[in-house]
Structures are given as C-alpha cells and as structure tokens.
Amino acid sequence: MKRIYILLILAISTLTNAQTNCDYSFENKENGNDIKTTKDYMMYEKVFGGSSQFIFFSLTNDNGTPLLNFQLLAKSKEFPQLYCLSEASKIYLQLTNGKVITLINALDDQCGKLVYDDINKNNIRILSSSFLFTKGSLEEIEKSPITFIRVKYTTDTVDYPIRSELNSETMKKQYFPERYFIDYLKCIK
C-alpha cells in the first residue's frame, strides 16, 4: 500500500512539473539570423455586455535579444476606446514575491488600428508593440508568477489583474497567465 501511494505521488508530481511545449509562430535561422517567436497566449480577457477586451503576449528572440510582444484587442458594436503607445510607454509586471519588473517599449509611437468585422458587425481595435526586458528582469520573472499587469499608454495607465487560471469564454480554451513566463521563457533561450 505504501509503494502504491509513493508511486501515485511521483506520477502526479511528474505530470504537474511537465514542461510546456514550445510552439512557434515564426522561426528563421537563415543568413546569419536567428529569430523565433512563440505563439500568442491570452493573458487577460474581459467580456461585458456587447464589448470585450483581450491582451495577448508572445515572446521573441531576435538574434539574442529577448522581446515581449504585446497585443491589445478590443471588440464592440460601438467604437472601442483608443489606446496609443509612445517611446515612453512601459509595461509593469507585479510578481507574487512583491517585486515589480519594468519593460520598455521598443517601437515608435503607434495607436490602435480600427477594423470592421462585417460578419459579426463589430468594431475591432488592435494595438501591437514589442517591449524590451530590463537587466536582471528575466531571472526574476522566470522564478515568480505574475499577479498584475500595468500598461502605461501615451495618455493613460491601465491595470489588468492576472488570474492563475483563465477559462476563455471566447477562445473556449484554458490558459494559465500567472505562470506564462515561468512556462515559456525557456522557449526563447
């Protein structure tokens, strides 16, 4: 009986510690370039009334430089709020250990692009950018889950609480945003 119990605990711990697969949306190892980008991962979802808002992250290794790709997607029958990013924009990640990690916008000024969905009769606003990790931040976010994302847009700062488990209404899929960096940073090393 004792052996069965020990085997059961070992099997459960092996399953819970199983590593996440690295799926890439882009990979290029030609002409001296070494670029790879992970697939988009939902970090935040808010569905209320006829509007919804989503944040997706992906990670890129661009010839040894790690980047966080950020995408804000807002969908509504009305016009979703316009957000813009500038060179001064930042993403702050609050970790469960109490530390705050700062990421710096790597691209020029941009605002969310408006697209109309004829099928569902929705206005969709998409804002994308890449952010640089600061020195020492990779080691910190690889060890500790995140609990909060704060995005400093050009004229506004918005807080997004992060859940340990996100059962997406829209994607019909389960995500674990709190552990995103712990699970996926290895994919760009």
Protein backbone atom coordinates (compact mmCIF):
# COMPACT_ATOMS: atom_id res chain seq x y z
CA MET A 1 0.00 0.00 0.00
CA LYS A 2 2.85 2.34 0.88
CA ARG A 3 4.51 1.68 -2.50
CA ILE A 4 1.33 2.46 -4.42
CA TYR A 5 0.95 5.71 -2.52
CA ILE A 6 4.56 6.72 -3.30
CA LEU A 7 4.14 5.80 -6.99
CA LEU A 8 0.93 7.82 -7.16
CA ILE A 9 2.63 10.89 -5.65
CA LEU A 10 5.57 10.54 -8.06
CA ALA A 11 3.24 10.25 -11.05
CA ILE A 12 1.23 13.32 -10.01
CA SER A 13 4.34 15.41 -9.36
CA THR A 14 5.80 14.39 -12.73
CA LEU A 15 2.60 15.42 -14.51
CA THR A 16 2.35 18.75 -12.71
CA ASN A 17 6.01 19.55 -13.39
CA ALA A 18 5.85 18.53 -17.05
CA GLN A 19 7.35 21.19 -19.26
CA THR A 20 5.25 23.21 -21.63
CA ASN A 21 5.85 22.61 -25.32
CA CYS A 22 7.46 25.40 -27.30
CA ASP A 23 5.24 26.14 -30.28
CA TYR A 24 6.49 28.87 -32.57
CA SER A 25 4.52 31.10 -34.90
CA PHE A 26 7.74 32.19 -36.64
CA GLU A 27 11.25 30.76 -36.89
CA ASN A 28 14.13 31.90 -39.13
CA LYS A 29 17.68 30.56 -38.93
CA GLU A 30 18.90 31.67 -42.37
CA ASN A 31 21.57 34.15 -43.50
CA GLY A 32 23.07 34.54 -40.03
CA ASN A 33 19.71 35.44 -38.46
CA ASP A 34 18.30 33.54 -35.53
CA ILE A 35 14.78 34.73 -34.87
CA LYS A 36 11.96 32.81 -33.24
CA THR A 37 8.59 33.89 -31.86
CA THR A 38 6.22 31.87 -29.69
CA LYS A 39 2.52 31.66 -30.46
CA ASP A 40 0.15 34.25 -28.96
CA TYR A 41 -1.00 33.48 -25.42
CA MET A 42 -4.05 35.06 -23.78
CA MET A 43 -3.14 36.90 -20.60
CA TYR A 44 -6.35 38.83 -19.95
CA GLU A 45 -9.97 38.64 -21.06
CA LYS A 46 -12.87 40.89 -20.14
CA VAL A 47 -16.28 40.28 -21.69
CA PHE A 48 -19.04 42.61 -20.56
CA GLY A 49 -22.26 43.32 -22.39
CA GLY A 50 -21.56 43.67 -26.09
CA SER A 51 -17.89 44.52 -25.70
CA SER A 52 -14.77 42.53 -24.98
CA GLN A 53 -11.10 43.21 -24.39
CA PHE A 54 -8.12 40.84 -24.62
CA ILE A 55 -4.39 41.00 -24.01
CA PHE A 56 -2.08 38.55 -25.75
CA PHE A 57 1.62 38.01 -25.11
CA SER A 58 4.23 36.23 -27.20
CA LEU A 59 8.00 36.06 -26.80
CA THR A 60 10.66 36.69 -29.44
CA ASN A 61 14.36 36.00 -29.51
CA ASP A 62 15.80 38.31 -32.17
CA ASN A 63 19.46 37.33 -32.58
CA GLY A 64 19.93 37.01 -28.82
CA THR A 65 17.69 39.91 -27.76
CA PRO A 66 14.58 38.75 -25.86
CA LEU A 67 11.39 40.73 -26.54
CA LEU A 68 7.86 40.63 -25.19
CA ASN A 69 5.25 41.12 -27.91
CA PHE A 70 2.13 42.81 -26.55
CA GLN A 71 -1.23 42.92 -28.29
CA LEU A 72 -4.37 44.63 -27.03
CA LEU A 73 -7.55 43.67 -28.86
CA ALA A 74 -10.88 45.40 -28.13
CA LYS A 75 -14.17 44.43 -29.77
CA SER A 76 -17.51 46.23 -29.56
CA LYS A 77 -20.62 47.25 -31.51
CA GLU A 78 -19.66 50.81 -30.52
CA PHE A 79 -16.18 52.24 -31.04
CA PRO A 80 -13.67 50.71 -28.58
CA GLN A 81 -11.51 53.15 -26.64
CA LEU A 82 -8.40 54.27 -28.49
CA TYR A 83 -5.09 53.50 -26.77
CA CYS A 84 -1.69 54.61 -28.05
CA LEU A 85 1.89 53.72 -27.17
CA SER A 86 4.88 56.05 -27.31
CA GLU A 87 8.59 55.68 -26.69
CA ALA A 88 7.85 56.47 -23.02
CA SER A 89 5.31 53.63 -22.69
CA LYS A 90 6.10 50.80 -20.31
CA ILE A 91 4.66 47.54 -19.05
CA TYR A 92 4.97 46.81 -15.34
CA LEU A 93 4.65 43.23 -14.12
CA GLN A 94 3.95 42.69 -10.42
CA LEU A 95 5.24 39.35 -9.18
CA THR A 96 3.90 37.23 -6.33
CA ASN A 97 7.20 37.80 -4.49
CA GLY A 98 6.37 41.54 -4.37
CA LYS A 99 8.88 42.70 -6.99
CA VAL A 100 7.86 44.84 -9.96
CA ILE A 101 9.50 44.28 -13.35
CA THR A 102 9.58 47.10 -15.92
CA LEU A 103 9.59 46.53 -19.68
CA ILE A 104 10.38 49.36 -22.11
CA ASN A 105 8.62 49.99 -25.43
CA ALA A 106 10.96 49.09 -28.30
CA LEU A 107 8.97 50.62 -31.16
CA ASP A 108 7.95 54.09 -32.34
CA ASP A 109 4.65 55.78 -31.47
CA GLN A 110 1.56 53.89 -32.58
CA CYS A 111 -2.15 53.80 -31.91
CA GLY A 112 -4.70 51.02 -32.13
CA LYS A 113 -5.91 50.34 -35.67
CA LEU A 114 -9.66 50.15 -36.24
CA VAL A 115 -11.06 47.28 -38.30
CA TYR A 116 -14.71 46.48 -39.02
CA ASP A 117 -15.97 42.89 -38.85
CA ASP A 118 -18.78 42.60 -41.43
CA ILE A 119 -19.86 39.16 -40.26
CA ASN A 120 -20.42 39.93 -36.56
CA LYS A 121 -20.97 43.70 -37.07
CA ASN A 122 -18.23 44.60 -34.58
CA ASN A 123 -15.63 47.34 -34.48
CA ILE A 124 -12.26 45.86 -33.57
CA ARG A 125 -9.31 47.91 -32.38
CA ILE A 126 -5.85 46.28 -32.41
CA LEU A 127 -2.73 47.71 -30.77
CA SER A 128 0.58 45.82 -31.01
CA SER A 129 4.10 46.57 -29.88
CA SER A 130 7.29 44.94 -28.63
CA PHE A 131 8.89 45.59 -25.25
CA LEU A 132 12.46 45.13 -24.05
CA PHE A 133 13.29 43.42 -20.77
CA THR A 134 15.44 45.38 -18.34
CA LYS A 135 18.67 43.98 -16.92
CA GLY A 136 18.04 41.20 -14.40
CA SER A 137 14.29 41.02 -15.07
CA LEU A 138 14.37 37.71 -16.97
CA GLU A 139 15.80 35.88 -13.98
CA GLU A 140 13.10 37.32 -11.70
CA ILE A 141 10.06 36.55 -13.87
CA GLU A 142 11.34 33.07 -14.57
CA LYS A 143 11.13 32.28 -10.83
CA SER A 144 7.96 34.02 -9.70
CA PRO A 145 4.39 34.08 -11.08
CA ILE A 146 2.84 37.41 -12.08
CA THR A 147 -0.28 38.79 -10.43
CA PHE A 148 -0.78 42.13 -12.14
CA ILE A 149 -0.01 43.91 -15.41
CA ARG A 150 0.07 47.71 -15.59
CA VAL A 151 0.38 49.30 -19.02
CA LYS A 152 1.44 52.93 -19.32
CA TYR A 153 -0.13 54.08 -22.56
CA THR A 154 0.55 57.53 -24.02
CA THR A 155 -2.22 59.32 -22.09
CA ASP A 156 -3.49 56.68 -19.69
CA THR A 157 -2.29 53.97 -17.32
CA VAL A 158 -4.43 50.83 -17.08
CA ASP A 159 -4.20 47.95 -14.61
CA TYR A 160 -5.05 44.38 -15.61
CA PRO A 161 -5.39 41.79 -12.82
CA ILE A 162 -3.97 38.40 -13.79
CA ARG A 163 -5.64 35.14 -12.85
CA SER A 164 -3.88 31.91 -12.09
CA GLU A 165 -6.35 30.15 -14.39
CA LEU A 166 -8.28 31.73 -17.26
CA ASN A 167 -11.09 29.78 -18.91
CA SER A 168 -11.62 31.88 -22.00
CA GLU A 169 -15.26 32.44 -22.97
CA THR A 170 -14.24 33.50 -26.45
CA MET A 171 -11.46 31.02 -27.32
CA LYS A 172 -13.03 28.10 -25.44
CA LYS A 173 -9.59 27.27 -24.08
CA GLN A 174 -7.86 27.22 -20.70
CA TYR A 175 -4.85 29.48 -20.03
CA PHE A 176 -2.54 29.90 -17.03
CA PRO A 177 -1.39 33.53 -17.38
CA GLU A 178 0.14 33.77 -13.90
CA ARG A 179 2.80 31.20 -14.95
CA TYR A 180 3.35 32.48 -18.51
CA PHE A 181 6.99 33.49 -18.11
CA ILE A 182 7.86 30.50 -15.94
CA ASP A 183 6.50 28.18 -18.62
CA TYR A 184 7.57 29.95 -21.83
CA LEU A 185 10.81 31.90 -21.25
CA LYS A 186 12.74 28.70 -21.91
CA CYS A 187 11.39 28.78 -25.48
CA ILE A 188 13.45 31.85 -26.43
CA LYS A 189 16.71 31.00 -24.67
